[in-house]
N, C-alpha and C. Protein backbone atom coordinates (compact mmCIF):
# COMPACT_ATOMS: atom_id res chain seq x y z
N MET A 1 -28.35 -2.89 -56.96
CA MET A 1 -28.35 -4.20 -56.39
C MET A 1 -28.32 -4.11 -54.85
N PHE A 2 -28.04 -5.28 -54.21
CA PHE A 2 -28.07 -5.31 -52.75
C PHE A 2 -26.96 -4.62 -52.07
N LEU A 3 -25.76 -4.68 -52.58
CA LEU A 3 -24.57 -4.14 -51.88
C LEU A 3 -24.23 -2.70 -52.30
N GLN A 4 -25.11 -2.05 -53.00
CA GLN A 4 -24.81 -0.68 -53.44
C GLN A 4 -25.04 0.36 -52.34
N ASP A 5 -25.87 0.01 -51.35
CA ASP A 5 -26.12 0.94 -50.24
C ASP A 5 -24.91 0.93 -49.33
N ALA A 6 -24.55 2.11 -48.83
CA ALA A 6 -23.43 2.21 -47.93
C ALA A 6 -23.84 1.70 -46.50
N PRO A 7 -23.01 0.99 -45.84
CA PRO A 7 -23.35 0.53 -44.47
C PRO A 7 -23.45 1.74 -43.53
N PRO A 8 -24.28 1.65 -42.49
CA PRO A 8 -24.44 2.75 -41.61
C PRO A 8 -23.14 3.07 -40.86
N ASP A 9 -22.90 4.33 -40.55
CA ASP A 9 -21.68 4.75 -39.87
C ASP A 9 -21.85 4.50 -38.32
N THR A 10 -21.15 3.52 -37.82
CA THR A 10 -21.24 3.21 -36.36
C THR A 10 -20.00 3.55 -35.63
N SER A 11 -19.13 4.39 -36.19
CA SER A 11 -17.85 4.72 -35.50
C SER A 11 -18.13 5.46 -34.20
N GLY A 12 -19.19 6.20 -34.11
CA GLY A 12 -19.56 6.90 -32.86
C GLY A 12 -19.81 5.93 -31.72
N TYR A 13 -20.52 4.83 -32.07
CA TYR A 13 -20.75 3.80 -31.05
C TYR A 13 -19.48 3.09 -30.61
N MET A 14 -18.59 2.90 -31.57
CA MET A 14 -17.31 2.26 -31.26
C MET A 14 -16.49 3.13 -30.28
N ILE A 15 -16.42 4.41 -30.60
CA ILE A 15 -15.71 5.36 -29.74
C ILE A 15 -16.36 5.41 -28.36
N ALA A 16 -17.65 5.46 -28.30
CA ALA A 16 -18.36 5.49 -27.02
C ALA A 16 -18.07 4.21 -26.21
N GLY A 17 -18.06 3.10 -26.90
CA GLY A 17 -17.70 1.85 -26.23
C GLY A 17 -16.34 1.82 -25.63
N TYR A 18 -15.36 2.37 -26.37
CA TYR A 18 -13.99 2.40 -25.86
C TYR A 18 -13.92 3.39 -24.67
N VAL A 19 -14.60 4.51 -24.77
CA VAL A 19 -14.60 5.47 -23.64
C VAL A 19 -15.19 4.83 -22.39
N VAL A 20 -16.29 4.14 -22.53
CA VAL A 20 -16.90 3.49 -21.36
C VAL A 20 -15.99 2.42 -20.80
N PHE A 21 -15.35 1.65 -21.69
CA PHE A 21 -14.44 0.58 -21.23
C PHE A 21 -13.29 1.20 -20.46
N PHE A 22 -12.67 2.22 -20.97
CA PHE A 22 -11.53 2.83 -20.32
C PHE A 22 -11.90 3.52 -18.99
N LEU A 23 -13.08 4.12 -18.97
CA LEU A 23 -13.53 4.73 -17.74
C LEU A 23 -13.75 3.69 -16.66
N VAL A 24 -14.44 2.63 -16.98
CA VAL A 24 -14.65 1.52 -16.02
C VAL A 24 -13.35 0.94 -15.57
N THR A 25 -12.43 0.73 -16.48
CA THR A 25 -11.14 0.19 -16.08
C THR A 25 -10.38 1.14 -15.17
N ALA A 26 -10.42 2.44 -15.46
CA ALA A 26 -9.73 3.46 -14.64
C ALA A 26 -10.33 3.50 -13.27
N ILE A 27 -11.68 3.41 -13.11
CA ILE A 27 -12.31 3.41 -11.85
C ILE A 27 -11.94 2.19 -11.05
N TYR A 28 -11.87 1.04 -11.71
CA TYR A 28 -11.48 -0.23 -11.04
C TYR A 28 -10.07 -0.13 -10.56
N LEU A 29 -9.14 0.39 -11.35
CA LEU A 29 -7.74 0.50 -10.92
C LEU A 29 -7.59 1.48 -9.75
N PHE A 30 -8.33 2.58 -9.78
CA PHE A 30 -8.34 3.52 -8.70
C PHE A 30 -8.85 2.87 -7.42
N SER A 31 -9.88 2.05 -7.57
CA SER A 31 -10.44 1.35 -6.40
C SER A 31 -9.40 0.36 -5.81
N LEU A 32 -8.66 -0.36 -6.68
CA LEU A 32 -7.63 -1.24 -6.19
C LEU A 32 -6.51 -0.51 -5.49
N PHE A 33 -6.16 0.69 -6.03
CA PHE A 33 -5.14 1.51 -5.37
C PHE A 33 -5.57 1.94 -3.99
N ILE A 34 -6.80 2.42 -3.85
CA ILE A 34 -7.33 2.88 -2.57
C ILE A 34 -7.37 1.69 -1.59
N ARG A 35 -7.82 0.54 -2.04
CA ARG A 35 -7.91 -0.62 -1.17
C ARG A 35 -6.54 -1.04 -0.68
N SER A 36 -5.54 -1.02 -1.61
CA SER A 36 -4.19 -1.38 -1.21
C SER A 36 -3.63 -0.40 -0.21
N ARG A 37 -3.87 0.90 -0.39
CA ARG A 37 -3.39 1.85 0.60
C ARG A 37 -4.04 1.67 1.95
N ASN A 38 -5.34 1.43 1.96
CA ASN A 38 -6.02 1.19 3.24
C ASN A 38 -5.55 -0.09 3.93
N LEU A 39 -5.28 -1.11 3.12
CA LEU A 39 -4.78 -2.38 3.66
C LEU A 39 -3.43 -2.16 4.34
N LYS A 40 -2.53 -1.37 3.68
CA LYS A 40 -1.22 -1.10 4.27
C LYS A 40 -1.35 -0.32 5.57
N GLN A 41 -2.30 0.63 5.61
CA GLN A 41 -2.51 1.40 6.86
C GLN A 41 -3.05 0.49 7.97
N ASP A 42 -3.95 -0.40 7.64
CA ASP A 42 -4.46 -1.35 8.64
C ASP A 42 -3.34 -2.25 9.14
N LEU A 43 -2.49 -2.71 8.23
CA LEU A 43 -1.42 -3.59 8.63
C LEU A 43 -0.44 -2.86 9.55
N ASP A 44 -0.13 -1.62 9.24
CA ASP A 44 0.72 -0.82 10.09
C ASP A 44 0.13 -0.63 11.45
N THR A 45 -1.17 -0.36 11.51
CA THR A 45 -1.88 -0.16 12.80
C THR A 45 -1.82 -1.43 13.57
N LEU A 46 -2.06 -2.56 12.98
CA LEU A 46 -2.05 -3.87 13.71
C LEU A 46 -0.62 -4.12 14.23
N GLU A 47 0.40 -3.86 13.43
CA GLU A 47 1.75 -4.09 13.87
C GLU A 47 2.10 -3.14 15.07
N ASN A 48 1.66 -1.94 15.04
CA ASN A 48 1.88 -1.03 16.15
C ASN A 48 1.18 -1.52 17.40
N MET A 49 -0.06 -2.01 17.25
CA MET A 49 -0.78 -2.53 18.39
C MET A 49 -0.09 -3.75 18.95
N LYS A 50 0.47 -4.58 18.08
CA LYS A 50 1.16 -5.78 18.56
C LYS A 50 2.40 -5.41 19.33
N GLU A 51 3.16 -4.42 18.83
CA GLU A 51 4.37 -3.97 19.53
C GLU A 51 4.03 -3.34 20.88
N GLU A 52 2.92 -2.61 20.99
CA GLU A 52 2.50 -2.00 22.25
C GLU A 52 2.02 -3.04 23.23
N SER A 53 1.43 -4.14 22.77
CA SER A 53 0.91 -5.15 23.68
C SER A 53 1.97 -6.01 24.26
N THR A 54 3.09 -6.13 23.63
CA THR A 54 4.17 -6.98 24.17
C THR A 54 5.15 -6.03 24.89
N LEU A 55 5.20 -6.17 26.22
CA LEU A 55 6.05 -5.32 27.05
C LEU A 55 7.39 -5.98 27.19
N PRO A 56 8.46 -5.21 27.26
CA PRO A 56 9.77 -5.80 27.53
C PRO A 56 9.78 -6.41 28.94
N PRO A 57 10.66 -7.34 29.23
CA PRO A 57 10.73 -8.03 30.53
C PRO A 57 10.88 -7.06 31.69
N ALA A 58 11.65 -6.03 31.56
CA ALA A 58 11.92 -5.11 32.66
C ALA A 58 10.60 -4.37 33.05
N ARG A 59 9.81 -4.08 32.09
CA ARG A 59 8.56 -3.32 32.37
C ARG A 59 7.55 -4.29 33.02
N GLU A 60 7.53 -5.57 32.61
CA GLU A 60 6.65 -6.58 33.20
C GLU A 60 6.98 -6.72 34.65
N GLU A 61 8.25 -6.81 35.01
CA GLU A 61 8.66 -6.99 36.40
C GLU A 61 8.26 -5.77 37.22
N ALA A 62 8.46 -4.59 36.67
CA ALA A 62 8.07 -3.35 37.39
C ALA A 62 6.55 -3.32 37.57
N LYS A 63 5.83 -3.78 36.65
CA LYS A 63 4.39 -3.76 36.73
C LYS A 63 3.95 -4.75 37.79
N ALA A 64 4.65 -5.91 37.88
CA ALA A 64 4.30 -6.93 38.86
C ALA A 64 4.64 -6.44 40.29
N ALA A 65 5.60 -5.56 40.43
CA ALA A 65 6.00 -5.11 41.77
C ALA A 65 5.11 -4.02 42.34
N VAL A 66 4.20 -3.49 41.53
CA VAL A 66 3.29 -2.42 42.01
C VAL A 66 2.26 -3.09 42.92
N PRO A 67 2.11 -2.61 44.15
CA PRO A 67 1.15 -3.23 45.05
C PRO A 67 -0.33 -2.99 44.56
N ARG A 68 -1.11 -4.00 44.67
CA ARG A 68 -2.53 -3.91 44.26
C ARG A 68 -3.41 -3.86 45.46
N PRO A 69 -4.52 -3.15 45.44
CA PRO A 69 -5.43 -3.12 46.57
C PRO A 69 -6.06 -4.47 46.75
N LYS A 70 -6.25 -4.79 48.08
CA LYS A 70 -6.83 -6.11 48.39
C LYS A 70 -8.33 -6.04 48.09
N ALA A 71 -8.82 -7.20 47.58
CA ALA A 71 -10.21 -7.32 47.31
C ALA A 71 -10.95 -7.70 48.56
N LYS A 72 -12.21 -7.28 48.67
CA LYS A 72 -13.00 -7.60 49.83
C LYS A 72 -13.34 -9.10 49.77
N SER A 73 -13.36 -9.71 50.94
CA SER A 73 -13.65 -11.09 51.02
C SER A 73 -15.15 -11.33 50.81
N THR A 74 -15.47 -12.23 49.94
CA THR A 74 -16.83 -12.56 49.67
C THR A 74 -17.12 -13.99 50.00
N ALA A 75 -16.29 -14.56 50.92
CA ALA A 75 -16.50 -15.96 51.30
C ALA A 75 -17.84 -16.15 51.96
N GLY A 76 -18.52 -17.15 51.55
CA GLY A 76 -19.84 -17.46 52.17
C GLY A 76 -20.95 -16.68 51.52
N ARG A 77 -20.69 -15.66 50.80
CA ARG A 77 -21.74 -14.89 50.12
C ARG A 77 -21.69 -15.20 48.62
N SER A 78 -22.84 -15.17 48.08
CA SER A 78 -22.89 -15.31 46.61
C SER A 78 -23.72 -14.14 46.05
N LYS A 79 -23.28 -13.60 45.05
CA LYS A 79 -24.04 -12.49 44.44
C LYS A 79 -25.24 -13.06 43.69
N PRO A 80 -26.39 -12.47 43.84
CA PRO A 80 -27.54 -13.00 43.15
C PRO A 80 -27.43 -12.73 41.66
N GLY A 81 -27.88 -13.73 40.86
CA GLY A 81 -27.90 -13.53 39.43
C GLY A 81 -29.07 -12.66 39.04
N PRO A 82 -29.24 -12.41 37.76
CA PRO A 82 -30.31 -11.49 37.32
C PRO A 82 -31.72 -12.03 37.64
N ARG A 83 -31.83 -13.32 37.67
CA ARG A 83 -33.16 -13.92 37.94
C ARG A 83 -33.43 -14.13 39.44
N GLN A 84 -32.40 -14.10 40.25
CA GLN A 84 -32.53 -14.32 41.66
C GLN A 84 -32.89 -13.08 42.44
N VAL A 85 -32.77 -11.93 41.84
CA VAL A 85 -33.06 -10.69 42.53
C VAL A 85 -34.60 -10.58 42.73
N LYS A 86 -34.98 -10.37 43.98
CA LYS A 86 -36.43 -10.21 44.32
C LYS A 86 -36.74 -8.77 44.50
N LYS A 87 -37.83 -8.37 43.95
CA LYS A 87 -38.28 -6.97 44.13
C LYS A 87 -39.02 -6.84 45.41
N LYS A 88 -38.85 -5.72 46.07
CA LYS A 88 -39.57 -5.44 47.26
C LYS A 88 -41.00 -4.99 46.88
N VAL A 89 -41.94 -5.62 47.51
CA VAL A 89 -43.34 -5.32 47.24
C VAL A 89 -43.85 -4.39 48.34
N THR A 90 -44.35 -3.30 47.96
CA THR A 90 -44.92 -2.33 48.93
C THR A 90 -46.41 -2.36 48.85
N LYS A 91 -47.05 -2.41 49.98
CA LYS A 91 -48.47 -2.47 49.99
C LYS A 91 -49.05 -1.05 50.21
N LYS A 92 -50.07 -0.76 49.50
CA LYS A 92 -50.73 0.55 49.69
C LYS A 92 -51.71 0.47 50.84
N LYS A 93 -51.78 1.52 51.62
CA LYS A 93 -52.70 1.52 52.73
C LYS A 93 -53.97 2.28 52.40
């Protein structure tokens, strides 16, 4: 009759499916671990940069007390912009 034939053995496909599923899951979890570690390193770096950028008040006063060189006076002169610069034309003889 119809049901006397044995169904095909698909246990190999089932095991392969589980192996693929667990491999993909393991790779994803490893990726999350690496991302988390890198995020913590970036956060530590940013915190260190923030601490270095804020100077204590005593250091700011000492920095302000350092004499700075005087800038040259440019009163009455304006620096030409990139389009205002004229090229010197030389004539050939």
